[in-house]
C-alpha atoms as a PDB file:
ATOM      1  CA  MET A   1      48.387  -3.740  20.918  1.00  0.00           C
ATOM      2  CA  ALA A   2      51.790  -2.291  21.766  1.00  0.00           C
ATOM      3  CA  SER A   3      54.814  -4.378  22.621  1.00  0.00           C
ATOM      4  CA  ASN A   4      54.562  -3.395  26.285  1.00  0.00           C
ATOM      5  CA  ASP A   5      50.944  -4.590  26.353  1.00  0.00           C
ATOM      6  CA  ARG A   6      51.725  -8.188  25.466  1.00  0.00           C
ATOM      7  CA  PRO A   7      51.031 -10.866  28.104  1.00  0.00           C
ATOM      8  CA  ARG A   8      53.769 -11.907  30.493  1.00  0.00           C
ATOM      9  CA  THR A   9      56.769 -13.524  28.842  1.00  0.00           C
ATOM     10  CA  GLY A  10      57.265 -17.134  29.675  1.00  0.00           C
ATOM     11  CA  GLY A  11      53.682 -17.721  30.732  1.00  0.00           C
ATOM     12  CA  SER A  12      50.419 -18.531  29.073  1.00  0.00           C
ATOM     13  CA  PRO A  13      47.660 -15.928  29.190  1.00  0.00           C
ATOM     14  CA  ARG A  14      44.883 -16.529  31.671  1.00  0.00           C
ATOM     15  CA  PRO A  15      41.544 -17.885  30.396  1.00  0.00           C
ATOM     16  CA  LEU A  16      39.207 -15.333  28.915  1.00  0.00           C
ATOM     17  CA  ARG A  17      36.709 -13.744  31.256  1.00  0.00           C
ATOM     18  CA  ALA A  18      33.655 -11.634  30.712  1.00  0.00           C
ATOM     19  CA  GLY A  19      34.746  -8.517  28.849  1.00  0.00           C
ATOM     20  CA  ASP A  20      38.070  -9.959  27.606  1.00  0.00           C
ATOM     21  CA  THR A  21      36.999  -9.940  23.953  1.00  0.00           C
ATOM     22  CA  TRP A  22      39.016  -9.212  20.857  1.00  0.00           C
ATOM     23  CA  TRP A  23      37.374  -5.837  20.349  1.00  0.00           C
ATOM     24  CA  TYR A  24      38.264  -4.828  23.925  1.00  0.00           C
ATOM     25  CA  ALA A  25      41.949  -5.199  23.109  1.00  0.00           C
ATOM     26  CA  ALA A  26      41.513  -3.313  19.846  1.00  0.00           C
ATOM     27  CA  VAL A  27      39.537  -0.416  21.284  1.00  0.00           C
ATOM     28  CA  ALA A  28      41.089  -0.041  24.749  1.00  0.00           C
ATOM     29  CA  GLY A  29      44.624  -0.839  23.603  1.00  0.00           C
ATOM     30  CA  GLU A  30      45.197  -3.518  26.240  1.00  0.00           C
ATOM     31  CA  ALA A  31      44.590  -7.216  26.748  1.00  0.00           C
ATOM     32  CA  ALA A  32      44.254  -9.638  29.605  1.00  0.00           C
ATOM     33  CA  GLY A  33      47.586  -9.882  31.428  1.00  0.00           C
ATOM     34  CA  SER A  34      49.066  -6.880  29.619  1.00  0.00           C
ATOM     35  CA  PHE A  35      51.442  -4.414  31.244  1.00  0.00           C
ATOM     36  CA  THR A  36      48.899  -1.607  31.568  1.00  0.00           C
ATOM     37  CA  THR A  37      46.342  -4.019  33.011  1.00  0.00           C
ATOM     38  CA  ARG A  38      48.778  -5.159  35.686  1.00  0.00           C
ATOM     39  CA  VAL A  39      49.689  -1.567  36.600  1.00  0.00           C
ATOM     40  CA  ARG A  40      46.037  -0.576  36.757  1.00  0.00           C
ATOM     41  CA  THR A  41      45.172  -3.570  38.938  1.00  0.00           C
ATOM     42  CA  ARG A  42      47.983  -2.830  41.384  1.00  0.00           C
ATOM     43  CA  ALA A  43      47.061   0.842  41.613  1.00  0.00           C
ATOM     44  CA  ARG A  44      43.377   0.099  42.047  1.00  0.00           C
ATOM     45  CA  ARG A  45      44.098  -2.338  44.868  1.00  0.00           C
ATOM     46  CA  GLY A  46      46.357   0.210  46.531  1.00  0.00           C
ATOM     47  CA  CYS A  47      43.619   2.846  46.327  1.00  0.00           C
ATOM     48  CA  LEU A  48      40.970   0.538  47.766  1.00  0.00           C
ATOM     49  CA  GLY A  49      43.327  -0.632  50.527  1.00  0.00           C
ATOM     50  CA  ALA A  50      44.128   2.945  51.529  1.00  0.00           C
ATOM     51  CA  VAL A  51      40.422   3.850  51.621  1.00  0.00           C
ATOM     52  CA  LEU A  52      39.685   0.783  53.747  1.00  0.00           C
ATOM     53  CA  LEU A  53      42.444   1.637  56.224  1.00  0.00           C
ATOM     54  CA  LEU A  54      41.242   5.245  56.320  1.00  0.00           C
ATOM     55  CA  THR A  55      37.768   4.016  57.240  1.00  0.00           C
ATOM     56  CA  VAL A  56      39.205   1.832  60.002  1.00  0.00           C
ATOM     57  CA  VAL A  57      41.246   4.750  61.406  1.00  0.00           C
ATOM     58  CA  TYR A  58      38.201   7.041  61.329  1.00  0.00           C
ATOM     59  CA  ALA A  59      35.993   4.474  63.042  1.00  0.00           C
ATOM     60  CA  GLY A  60      38.586   3.544  65.654  1.00  0.00           C
ATOM     61  CA  LEU A  61      40.122   6.904  66.556  1.00  0.00           C
ATOM     62  CA  VAL A  62      37.216   9.314  65.988  1.00  0.00           C
ATOM     63  CA  LEU A  63      33.966   7.458  66.582  1.00  0.00           C
ATOM     64  CA  THR A  64      34.979   5.378  69.604  1.00  0.00           C
ATOM     65  CA  ALA A  65      35.450   6.771  73.107  1.00  0.00           C
ATOM     66  CA  THR A  66      38.677   4.786  73.552  1.00  0.00           C
ATOM     67  CA  GLY A  67      40.187   6.205  70.373  1.00  0.00           C
ATOM     68  CA  ARG A  68      39.275   9.782  71.317  1.00  0.00           C
ATOM     69  CA  ARG A  69      40.682   9.291  74.809  1.00  0.00           C
ATOM     70  CA  TRP A  70      43.924   7.955  73.368  1.00  0.00           C
ATOM     71  CA  GLY A  71      44.167  10.897  70.966  1.00  0.00           C
ATOM     72  CA  ASP A  72      43.635  13.350  73.823  1.00  0.00           C
ATOM     73  CA  ALA A  73      46.278  11.558  75.880  1.00  0.00           C
ATOM     74  CA  ALA A  74      48.765  11.768  72.993  1.00  0.00           C
ATOM     75  CA  THR A  75      48.050  15.502  72.701  1.00  0.00           C
ATOM     76  CA  THR A  76      48.383  16.120  76.427  1.00  0.00           C
ATOM     77  CA  GLY A  77      51.517  13.983  76.611  1.00  0.00           C
ATOM     78  CA  ARG A  78      53.490  16.564  74.626  1.00  0.00           C
ATOM     79  CA  ARG A  79      53.721  18.590  77.837  1.00  0.00           C
ATOM     80  CA  ALA A  80      54.899  15.571  79.798  1.00  0.00           C
ATOM     81  CA  ASP A  81      57.538  14.777  77.155  1.00  0.00           C
ATOM     82  CA  THR A  82      60.243  17.124  78.385  1.00  0.00           C
ATOM     83  CA  ALA A  83      62.585  16.515  75.434  1.00  0.00           C
ATOM     84  CA  ALA A  84      59.985  17.512  72.825  1.00  0.00           C
ATOM     85  CA  ALA A  85      58.723  20.404  74.947  1.00  0.00           C
ATOM     86  CA  ALA A  86      62.251  21.777  75.405  1.00  0.00           C
ATOM     87  CA  LEU A  87      62.963  21.516  71.657  1.00  0.00           C
ATOM     88  CA  LEU A  88      59.834  23.456  70.743  1.00  0.00           C
ATOM     89  CA  ARG A  89      60.460  26.014  73.462  1.00  0.00           C
ATOM     90  CA  ASP A  90      64.060  26.650  72.470  1.00  0.00           C
ATOM     91  CA  HIS A  91      63.287  26.790  68.734  1.00  0.00           C
ATOM     92  CA  PRO A  92      60.062  28.744  68.256  1.00  0.00           C
ATOM     93  CA  SER A  93      60.971  29.381  64.622  1.00  0.00           C
ATOM     94  CA  LEU A  94      60.132  25.765  63.759  1.00  0.00           C
ATOM     95  CA  ALA A  95      56.503  26.741  63.121  1.00  0.00           C
ATOM     96  CA  GLY A  96      57.514  29.349  60.559  1.00  0.00           C
ATOM     97  CA  LEU A  97      60.025  27.003  58.957  1.00  0.00           C
ATOM     98  CA  THR A  98      57.346  24.339  58.581  1.00  0.00           C
ATOM     99  CA  THR A  99      55.012  26.753  56.804  1.00  0.00           C
ATOM    100  CA  LEU A 100      57.850  28.026  54.609  1.00  0.00           C
ATOM    101  CA  SER A 101      58.859  24.487  53.689  1.00  0.00           C
ATOM    102  CA  LEU A 102      55.308  23.709  52.577  1.00  0.00           C
ATOM    103  CA  VAL A 103      55.301  26.743  50.267  1.00  0.00           C
ATOM    104  CA  LEU A 104      58.750  25.872  48.875  1.00  0.00           C
ATOM    105  CA  GLY A 105      57.637  22.271  48.368  1.00  0.00           C
ATOM    106  CA  CYS A 106      54.716  23.355  46.180  1.00  0.00           C
ATOM    107  CA  VAL A 107      57.002  25.656  44.186  1.00  0.00           C
ATOM    108  CA  LEU A 108      59.545  22.851  43.775  1.00  0.00           C
ATOM    109  CA  LEU A 109      56.898  20.431  42.514  1.00  0.00           C
ATOM    110  CA  LEU A 110      55.719  22.851  39.828  1.00  0.00           C
ATOM    111  CA  ALA A 111      59.251  23.939  38.904  1.00  0.00           C
ATOM    112  CA  VAL A 112      60.537  20.387  38.422  1.00  0.00           C
ATOM    113  CA  GLY A 113      57.603  19.461  36.223  1.00  0.00           C
ATOM    114  CA  LEU A 114      57.702  22.609  34.089  1.00  0.00           C
ATOM    115  CA  ILE A 115      61.484  22.582  33.651  1.00  0.00           C
ATOM    116  CA  GLY A 116      61.297  18.934  32.607  1.00  0.00           C
ATOM    117  CA  ARG A 117      58.492  19.834  30.143  1.00  0.00           C
ATOM    118  CA  ARG A 118      56.173  17.276  31.684  1.00  0.00           C
ATOM    119  CA  TYR A 119      53.200  19.566  31.475  1.00  0.00           C
ATOM    120  CA  VAL A 120      50.482  16.909  31.589  1.00  0.00           C
ATOM    121  CA  LEU A 121      52.053  15.090  34.509  1.00  0.00           C
ATOM    122  CA  THR A 122      52.625  18.381  36.341  1.00  0.00           C
ATOM    123  CA  GLY A 123      48.937  19.142  35.946  1.00  0.00           C
ATOM    124  CA  LEU A 124      48.046  15.676  37.251  1.00  0.00           C
ATOM    125  CA  ALA A 125      50.354  16.102  40.261  1.00  0.00           C
ATOM    126  CA  ALA A 126      48.848  19.513  41.035  1.00  0.00           C
ATOM    127  CA  ASP A 127      45.350  18.056  40.628  1.00  0.00           C
ATOM    128  CA  GLY A 128      46.276  15.293  43.066  1.00  0.00           C
ATOM    129  CA  VAL A 129      47.435  17.781  45.698  1.00  0.00           C
ATOM    130  CA  VAL A 130      44.348  19.963  45.238  1.00  0.00           C
ATOM    131  CA  THR A 131      42.033  16.935  45.330  1.00  0.00           C
ATOM    132  CA  ALA A 132      43.637  15.660  48.536  1.00  0.00           C
ATOM    133  CA  LEU A 133      43.278  19.090  50.169  1.00  0.00           C
ATOM    134  CA  ALA A 134      39.660  19.384  48.995  1.00  0.00           C
ATOM    135  CA  LEU A 135      38.783  15.953  50.370  1.00  0.00           C
ATOM    136  CA  THR A 136      40.548  16.866  53.610  1.00  0.00           C
ATOM    137  CA  GLY A 137      38.418  19.985  53.940  1.00  0.00           C
ATOM    138  CA  LEU A 138      35.216  18.086  53.169  1.00  0.00           C
ATOM    139  CA  LEU A 139      35.995  15.430  55.770  1.00  0.00           C
ATOM    140  CA  ARG A 140      36.787  18.070  58.388  1.00  0.00           C
ATOM    141  CA  LEU A 141      33.498  19.817  57.696  1.00  0.00           C
ATOM    142  CA  TYR A 142      31.037  16.998  57.085  1.00  0.00           C
ATOM    143  CA  ALA A 143      32.445  13.746  58.528  1.00  0.00           C
ATOM    144  CA  PRO A 144      30.157  12.743  61.423  1.00  0.00           C
ATOM    145  CA  ARG A 145      31.809  12.886  64.815  1.00  0.00           C
ATOM    146  CA  PRO A 146      30.525  12.868  68.400  1.00  0.00           C
ATOM    147  CA  ARG A 147      29.747  16.213  69.961  1.00  0.00           C
ATOM    148  CA  LEU A 148      32.349  17.569  72.338  1.00  0.00           C
ATOM    149  CA  THR A 149      31.381  18.139  75.951  1.00  0.00           C
ATOM    150  CA  GLY A 150      32.926  20.383  78.535  1.00  0.00           C
ATOM    151  CA  THR A 151      35.073  17.550  79.824  1.00  0.00           C
ATOM    152  CA  GLY A 152      35.646  15.986  76.424  1.00  0.00           C
ATOM    153  CA  ALA A 153      38.388  16.529  73.881  1.00  0.00           C
ATOM    154  CA  LEU A 154      41.071  19.118  74.441  1.00  0.00           C
ATOM    155  CA  LEU A 155      40.838  20.646  70.960  1.00  0.00           C
ATOM    156  CA  PRO A 156      38.360  20.350  68.052  1.00  0.00           C
ATOM    157  CA  SER A 157      39.008  17.412  65.786  1.00  0.00           C
ATOM    158  CA  GLY A 158      41.270  18.291  62.855  1.00  0.00           C
ATOM    159  CA  PHE A 159      40.633  15.011  61.057  1.00  0.00           C
ATOM    160  CA  PRO A 160      42.501  14.778  58.663  1.00  0.00           C
ATOM    161  CA  SER A 161      45.581  17.001  58.891  1.00  0.00           C
ATOM    162  CA  ALA A 162      45.823  19.560  56.073  1.00  0.00           C
ATOM    163  CA  GLN A 163      49.561  20.163  56.668  1.00  0.00           C
ATOM    164  CA  THR A 164      50.366  16.477  56.305  1.00  0.00           C
ATOM    165  CA  ALA A 165      48.121  16.156  53.258  1.00  0.00           C
ATOM    166  CA  LEU A 166      49.920  19.030  51.546  1.00  0.00           C
ATOM    167  CA  ALA A 167      53.414  17.787  52.436  1.00  0.00           C
ATOM    168  CA  LEU A 168      52.794  14.186  51.399  1.00  0.00           C
ATOM    169  CA  GLY A 169      50.881  15.334  48.307  1.00  0.00           C
ATOM    170  CA  VAL A 170      53.983  17.224  47.168  1.00  0.00           C
ATOM    171  CA  ALA A 171      56.154  14.178  47.907  1.00  0.00           C
ATOM    172  CA  LEU A 172      53.972  11.741  45.975  1.00  0.00           C
ATOM    173  CA  GLY A 173      53.441  14.274  43.201  1.00  0.00           C
ATOM    174  CA  LEU A 174      57.190  14.168  42.558  1.00  0.00           C
ATOM    175  CA  ALA A 175      56.743  10.515  41.577  1.00  0.00           C
ATOM    176  CA  LEU A 176      54.903  11.741  38.473  1.00  0.00           C
ATOM    177  CA  VAL A 177      57.026  14.710  37.420  1.00  0.00           C
ATOM    178  CA  VAL A 178      60.528  13.402  38.203  1.00  0.00           C
ATOM    179  CA  PRO A 179      62.214  11.139  35.603  1.00  0.00           C
ATOM    180  CA  HIS A 180      62.214   7.458  36.464  1.00  0.00           C
ATOM    181  CA  ARG A 181      65.948   7.254  37.212  1.00  0.00           C
ATOM    182  CA  LEU A 182      65.641  10.031  39.830  1.00  0.00           C
ATOM    183  CA  ARG A 183      62.271   9.030  41.242  1.00  0.00           C
ATOM    184  CA  ALA A 184      63.447   6.958  44.214  1.00  0.00           C
ATOM    185  CA  PRO A 185      65.821   9.527  45.791  1.00  0.00           C
ATOM    186  CA  ALA A 186      63.482  12.461  45.098  1.00  0.00           C
ATOM    187  CA  VAL A 187      60.322  10.825  46.433  1.00  0.00           C
ATOM    188  CA  GLY A 188      62.198   9.210  49.321  1.00  0.00           C
ATOM    189  CA  ALA A 189      63.698  12.494  50.500  1.00  0.00           C
ATOM    190  CA  ALA A 190      60.386  14.326  50.125  1.00  0.00           C
ATOM    191  CA  THR A 191      58.545  11.589  52.019  1.00  0.00           C
ATOM    192  CA  LEU A 192      61.020  11.855  54.899  1.00  0.00           C
ATOM    193  CA  TRP A 193      60.264  15.577  54.994  1.00  0.00           C
ATOM    194  CA  ALA A 194      56.511  14.874  54.973  1.00  0.00           C
ATOM    195  CA  ALA A 195      56.936  12.407  57.860  1.00  0.00           C
ATOM    196  CA  ALA A 196      58.828  15.079  59.814  1.00  0.00           C
ATOM    197  CA  VAL A 197      56.017  17.582  59.141  1.00  0.00           C
ATOM    198  CA  GLY A 198      53.436  15.081  60.390  1.00  0.00           C
ATOM    199  CA  ALA A 199      55.409  14.289  63.527  1.00  0.00           C
ATOM    200  CA  TYR A 200      55.914  18.009  64.188  1.00  0.00           C
ATOM    201  CA  THR A 201      52.168  18.727  64.041  1.00  0.00           C
ATOM    202  CA  VAL A 202      51.650  16.071  66.713  1.00  0.00           C
ATOM    203  CA  ALA A 203      54.478  17.408  68.877  1.00  0.00           C
ATOM    204  CA  ASP A 204      53.187  20.976  68.510  1.00  0.00           C
ATOM    205  CA  GLY A 205      49.682  19.952  69.526  1.00  0.00           C
ATOM    206  CA  ARG A 206      48.038  21.049  66.256  1.00  0.00           C
ATOM    207  CA  HIS A 207      46.739  17.590  65.437  1.00  0.00           C
ATOM    208  CA  ARG A 208      46.151  14.220  66.988  1.00  0.00           C
ATOM    209  CA  PRO A 209      48.067  11.226  65.618  1.00  0.00           C
ATOM    210  CA  GLY A 210      44.916   9.910  63.940  1.00  0.00           C
ATOM    211  CA  ASP A 211      44.628  13.143  61.929  1.00  0.00           C
ATOM    212  CA  VAL A 212      48.109  12.662  60.471  1.00  0.00           C
ATOM    213  CA  ILE A 213      47.547   8.958  59.758  1.00  0.00           C
ATOM    214  CA  ALA A 214      44.260   9.698  58.002  1.00  0.00           C
ATOM    215  CA  ALA A 215      45.849  12.420  55.864  1.00  0.00           C
ATOM    216  CA  ALA A 216      48.624  10.071  54.727  1.00  0.00           C
ATOM    217  CA  LEU A 217      46.137   7.363  53.748  1.00  0.00           C
ATOM    218  CA  LEU A 218      43.933   9.891  51.945  1.00  0.00           C
ATOM    219  CA  VAL A 219      46.806  11.226  49.843  1.00  0.00           C
ATOM    220  CA  LEU A 220      47.939   7.690  49.011  1.00  0.00           C
ATOM    221  CA  ALA A 221      44.422   6.790  47.838  1.00  0.00           C
ATOM    222  CA  VAL A 222      44.235   9.890  45.611  1.00  0.00           C
ATOM    223  CA  PHE A 223      47.542   9.249  43.851  1.00  0.00           C
ATOM    224  CA  CYS A 224      46.840   5.536  43.459  1.00  0.00           C
ATOM    225  CA  GLY A 225      43.576   6.534  41.790  1.00  0.00           C
ATOM    226  CA  ILE A 226      45.448   8.886  39.433  1.00  0.00           C
ATOM    227  CA  LEU A 227      47.878   6.101  38.533  1.00  0.00           C
ATOM    228  CA  ALA A 228      45.016   3.670  37.911  1.00  0.00           C
ATOM    229  CA  LEU A 229      43.259   6.137  35.602  1.00  0.00           C
ATOM    230  CA  ARG A 230      46.468   6.817  33.692  1.00  0.00           C
ATOM    231  CA  ALA A 231      47.093   3.103  33.266  1.00  0.00           C
ATOM    232  CA  ARG A 232      43.468   2.650  32.174  1.00  0.00           C
ATOM    233  CA  LYS A 233      44.136   5.074  29.313  1.00  0.00           C
ATOM    234  CA  GLY A 234      47.298   3.200  28.370  1.00  0.00           C
ATOM    235  CA  GLU A 235      49.557   6.131  29.219  1.00  0.00           C
ATOM    236  CA  VAL A 236      52.184   4.149  31.128  1.00  0.00           C
ATOM    237  CA  ARG A 237      55.075   2.138  29.775  1.00  0.00           C
ATOM    238  CA  PRO A 238      57.739  -0.191  31.158  1.00  0.00           C
ATOM    239  CA  ALA A 239      60.830   1.486  32.553  1.00  0.00           C
ATOM    240  CA  PRO A 240      64.355   0.069  32.289  1.00  0.00           C
ATOM    241  CA  ARG A 241      65.225  -2.347  35.069  1.00  0.00           C
ATOM    242  CA  ARG A 242      68.212  -0.928  36.901  1.00  0.00           C
ATOM    243  CA  LEU A 243      69.838  -1.583  40.239  1.00  0.00           C
ATOM    244  CA  PRO A 244      69.264   1.147  42.855  1.00  0.00           C
ATOM    245  CA  THR A 245      71.875   3.883  42.704  1.00  0.00           C
ATOM    246  CA  PRO A 246      73.919   4.832  45.788  1.00  0.00           C
ATOM    247  CA  ALA A 247      71.932   8.072  46.042  1.00  0.00           C
ATOM    248  CA  ALA A 248      68.676   6.106  46.035  1.00  0.00           C
ATOM    249  CA  LEU A 249      69.926   3.704  48.697  1.00  0.00           C
ATOM    250  CA  LEU A 250      71.129   6.614  50.819  1.00  0.00           C
ATOM    251  CA  VAL A 251      67.543   7.916  50.944  1.00  0.00           C
ATOM    252  CA  LEU A 252      65.511   4.712  50.790  1.00  0.00           C
ATOM    253  CA  LEU A 253      67.261   2.993  53.697  1.00  0.00           C
ATOM    254  CA  PRO A 254      66.352   5.747  56.221  1.00  0.00           C
ATOM    255  CA  LEU A 255      62.839   5.849  54.766  1.00  0.00           C
ATOM    256  CA  VAL A 256      62.398   2.109  55.299  1.00  0.00           C
ATOM    257  CA  LEU A 257      63.809   2.400  58.817  1.00  0.00           C
ATOM    258  CA  VAL A 258      61.389   5.225  59.676  1.00  0.00           C
ATOM    259  CA  ALA A 259      58.436   3.279  58.271  1.00  0.00           C
ATOM    260  CA  ALA A 260      59.311  -0.054  59.869  1.00  0.00           C
ATOM    261  CA  GLY A 261      60.565   1.397  63.152  1.00  0.00           C
ATOM    262  CA  GLY A 262      57.677   3.837  63.496  1.00  0.00           C
ATOM    263  CA  LEU A 263      55.012   1.228  62.806  1.00  0.00           C
ATOM    264  CA  ALA A 264      56.657  -1.406  65.014  1.00  0.00           C
ATOM    265  CA  ALA A 265      57.239   0.955  67.953  1.00  0.00           C
ATOM    266  CA  GLY A 266      53.831   2.579  67.602  1.00  0.00           C
ATOM    267  CA  ILE A 267      51.920  -0.696  67.505  1.00  0.00           C
ATOM    268  CA  TRP A 268      53.958  -2.059  70.407  1.00  0.00           C
ATOM    269  CA  LEU A 269      53.319   1.025  72.542  1.00  0.00           C
ATOM    270  CA  LEU A 270      49.691   1.251  71.479  1.00  0.00           C
ATOM    271  CA  GLY A 271      48.763  -1.791  73.522  1.00  0.00           C
ATOM    272  CA  ASP A 272      50.145  -0.160  76.659  1.00  0.00           C
ATOM    273  CA  THR A 273      48.447   3.207  76.123  1.00  0.00           C
ATOM    274  CA  LEU A 274      44.927   2.205  75.080  1.00  0.00           C
ATOM    275  CA  ALA A 275      44.108   1.027  78.601  1.00  0.00           C
ATOM    276  CA  LEU A 276      43.895   4.551  79.992  1.00  0.00           C
ATOM    277  CA  PRO A 277      41.356   5.257  82.724  1.00  0.00           C
ATOM    278  CA  ALA A 278      38.061   6.728  81.584  1.00  0.00           C
ATOM    279  CA  THR A 279      38.550   9.895  83.633  1.00  0.00           C
ATOM    280  CA  ALA A 280      41.448  12.013  84.826  1.00  0.00           C
ATOM    281  CA  PRO A 281      43.856  12.220  86.547  1.00  0.00           C
ATOM    282  CA  TYR A 282      46.290  10.359  84.306  1.00  0.00           C
ATOM    283  CA  ASP A 283      49.787   9.214  85.082  1.00  0.00           C
ATOM    284  CA  PRO A 284      52.321  11.576  83.380  1.00  0.00           C
ATOM    285  CA  ALA A 285      54.362   8.559  82.328  1.00  0.00           C
ATOM    286  CA  GLU A 286      51.342   7.123  80.497  1.00  0.00           C
ATOM    287  CA  LEU A 287      50.681  10.444  78.788  1.00  0.00           C
ATOM    288  CA  ARG A 288      54.304  10.688  77.667  1.00  0.00           C
ATOM    289  CA  LEU A 289      54.131   7.126  76.369  1.00  0.00           C
ATOM    290  CA  ALA A 290      50.936   7.882  74.443  1.00  0.00           C
ATOM    291  CA  HIS A 291      52.548  10.956  72.877  1.00  0.00           C
ATOM    292  CA  ARG A 292      55.594   9.037  71.706  1.00  0.00           C
ATOM    293  CA  CYS A 293      53.363   6.243  70.414  1.00  0.00           C
ATOM    294  CA  GLY A 294      51.348   8.764  68.408  1.00  0.00           C
ATOM    295  CA  GLN A 295      54.448  10.375  66.922  1.00  0.00           C
ATOM    296  CA  ALA A 296      55.870   6.984  65.951  1.00  0.00           C
ATOM    297  CA  LEU A 297      52.645   5.893  64.255  1.00  0.00           C
ATOM    298  CA  ALA A 298      52.240   9.224  62.435  1.00  0.00           C
ATOM    299  CA  ALA A 299      55.785   9.149  61.046  1.00  0.00           C
ATOM    300  CA  GLY A 300      55.646   5.437  60.261  1.00  0.00           C
ATOM    301  CA  VAL A 301      52.384   5.564  58.304  1.00  0.00           C
ATOM    302  CA  THR A 302      53.497   8.657  56.351  1.00  0.00           C
ATOM    303  CA  ALA A 303      56.783   7.007  55.388  1.00  0.00           C
ATOM    304  CA  ALA A 304      55.006   3.769  54.507  1.00  0.00           C
ATOM    305  CA  ALA A 305      52.656   5.667  52.157  1.00  0.00           C
ATOM    306  CA  GLY A 306      55.630   6.870  50.112  1.00  0.00           C
ATOM    307  CA  ILE A 307      57.123   3.376  50.011  1.00  0.00           C
ATOM    308  CA  VAL A 308      53.832   1.881  48.824  1.00  0.00           C
ATOM    309  CA  LEU A 309      53.590   4.297  45.895  1.00  0.00           C
ATOM    310  CA  LEU A 310      57.212   3.646  44.933  1.00  0.00           C
ATOM    311  CA  LEU A 311      56.499  -0.083  44.934  1.00  0.00           C
ATOM    312  CA  LEU A 312      53.399   0.395  42.799  1.00  0.00           C
ATOM    313  CA  LEU A 313      55.466   2.434  40.317  1.00  0.00           C
ATOM    314  CA  ARG A 314      58.430   0.067  40.192  1.00  0.00           C
ATOM    315  CA  HIS A 315      59.565  -0.482  36.597  1.00  0.00           C
ATOM    316  CA  VAL A 316      56.780   1.884  35.488  1.00  0.00           C
ATOM    317  CA  ASP A 317      57.298   5.120  33.576  1.00  0.00           C
ATOM    318  CA  ALA A 318      54.230   7.323  33.943  1.00  0.00           C
ATOM    319  CA  ASP A 319      55.351   9.517  31.029  1.00  0.00           C
ATOM    320  CA  GLY A 320      54.240   7.107  28.346  1.00  0.00           C
ATOM    321  CA  PRO A 321      52.326   7.869  25.149  1.00  0.00           C
ATOM    322  CA  PRO A 322      49.126   5.971  24.350  1.00  0.00           C
ATOM    323  CA  PRO A 323      50.124   2.498  23.116  1.00  0.00           C
ATOM    324  CA  PRO A 324      49.896   2.089  19.346  1.00  0.00           C
ATOM    325  CA  TYR A 325      47.360  -0.461  18.189  1.00  0.00           C
ATOM    326  CA  ARG A 326      48.713  -3.598  16.593  1.00  0.00           C
ATOM    327  CA  LEU A 327      46.191  -5.430  14.509  1.00  0.00           C
ATOM    328  CA  GLY A 328      46.745  -8.839  13.073  1.00  0.00           C
ATOM    329  CA  GLY A 329      45.173 -10.940  10.381  1.00  0.00           C
ATOM    330  CA  PRO A 330      45.915 -13.368   7.588  1.00  0.00           C
ATOM    331  CA  PHE A 331      47.425 -10.676   5.376  1.00  0.00           C
ATOM    332  CA  ALA A 332      49.588  -9.311   8.184  1.00  0.00           C
ATOM    333  CA  GLU A 333      50.799 -12.827   9.018  1.00  0.00           C
ATOM    334  CA  ALA A 334      51.637 -13.420   5.373  1.00  0.00           C
ATOM    335  CA  ALA A 335      53.779 -10.294   5.389  1.00  0.00           C
ATOM    336  CA  GLY A 336      55.902 -11.663   8.226  1.00  0.00           C
ATOM    337  CA  ALA A 337      56.337 -10.700  11.880  1.00  0.00           C
ATOM    338  CA  PRO A 338      56.485  -6.909  12.301  1.00  0.00           C
ATOM    339  CA  GLU A 339      59.036  -5.044  14.295  1.00  0.00           C
ATOM    340  CA  ASP A 340      58.174  -3.826  17.794  1.00  0.00           C
ATOM    341  CA  GLU A 341      57.697  -0.197  16.765  1.00  0.00           C
ATOM    342  CA  GLU A 342      55.975  -0.947  13.458  1.00  0.00           C
ATOM    343  CA  LEU A 343      52.246  -0.422  13.153  1.00  0.00           C
ATOM    344  CA  VAL A 344      50.516  -3.186  11.288  1.00  0.00           C
ATOM    345  CA  GLY A 345      47.076  -3.151   9.716  1.00  0.00           C
ATOM    346  CA  PRO A 346      44.931  -5.918   8.315  1.00  0.00           C
ATOM    347  CA  PHE A 347      46.447  -5.504   4.829  1.00  0.00           C
ATOM    348  CA  THR A 348      49.994  -5.619   3.527  1.00  0.00           C
ATOM    349  CA  GLU A 349      51.704  -3.452   0.947  1.00  0.00           C
ATOM    350  CA  ASP A 350      50.972  -6.054  -1.693  1.00  0.00           C
ATOM    351  CA  LEU A 351      49.061  -4.237  -4.449  1.00  0.00           C
ATOM    352  CA  ASP A 352      46.822  -7.255  -4.937  1.00  0.00           C
ATOM    353  CA  HIS A 353      45.223  -6.451  -1.592  1.00  0.00           C
ATOM    354  CA  GLU A 354      44.955  -2.711  -2.142  1.00  0.00           C
ATOM    355  CA  ILE A 355      41.426  -1.320  -2.063  1.00  0.00           C
ATOM    356  CA  SER A 356      40.808   1.290  -4.728  1.00  0.00           C
END
């Protein structure tokens, strides 16, 4: 067992449970309370939590009549929101810039990983983006949803949003390919860009807010699953504990403000916009309020997804080799305590114990 797989310092290991046997530590390279076990547990809980929230969003905003009505109101409200409508009208090139930024983001992700010679992690990041896009396509094709009527939804359901999935997938993929000391500013800046892409798709009428929220949760679940699998194989190691750099704080503070402000404002406005009448006509002020609520929730959840992954990866370097096995025994104990990087077997260098 490697030095980074020892139980917590200053605390006694928890009682043995089913499966916590001596051979498990020898074969899997980890033990109860070890570093890799803690990382895997955190990542697995993050993945399950994201899947659970995704299920709640799907059930509430797609399967219920109230959720669909609110999504339609948020889409219609973009016309009542004069500020957003004027911005899109005066800058029609924003659509092309959004598409160009998505292409450049994918190129940047691959370039950073290949230049840094993190080939395995670059492949994992690319696999995460492709998996998120594939799951997005499968959900859009096969997820059950009520049939649209002539007076129903304004546009076919785009649940989840492929643009947001691609943008946030690039942002979270940088957490794997960027060195640990640069991870916070790189992922924070990319997550702010992904939140802007998600909010733009809502303002442009391409997607409902629930589509963007679902895409963010889906991407978070995929990358948490990748982190859990990597920790399961023992391919993570502790990273040096450093204070945040000024560059990291310059990016993380706006990211936290977008996440906290977007979620707080969206949840606060959501209570006022869910009570829409079952049929038109709607009050333009209510439609505008629903649109702003949807944009706030979409940006807030996307930013929060990046923060969650950064928290799961705190003090964790994903570019870690498999932990070396450290075996003990009476002969090893007689030889004295080994160094941290020294591999120890059940026998010492004493010739009396040599097997010929």
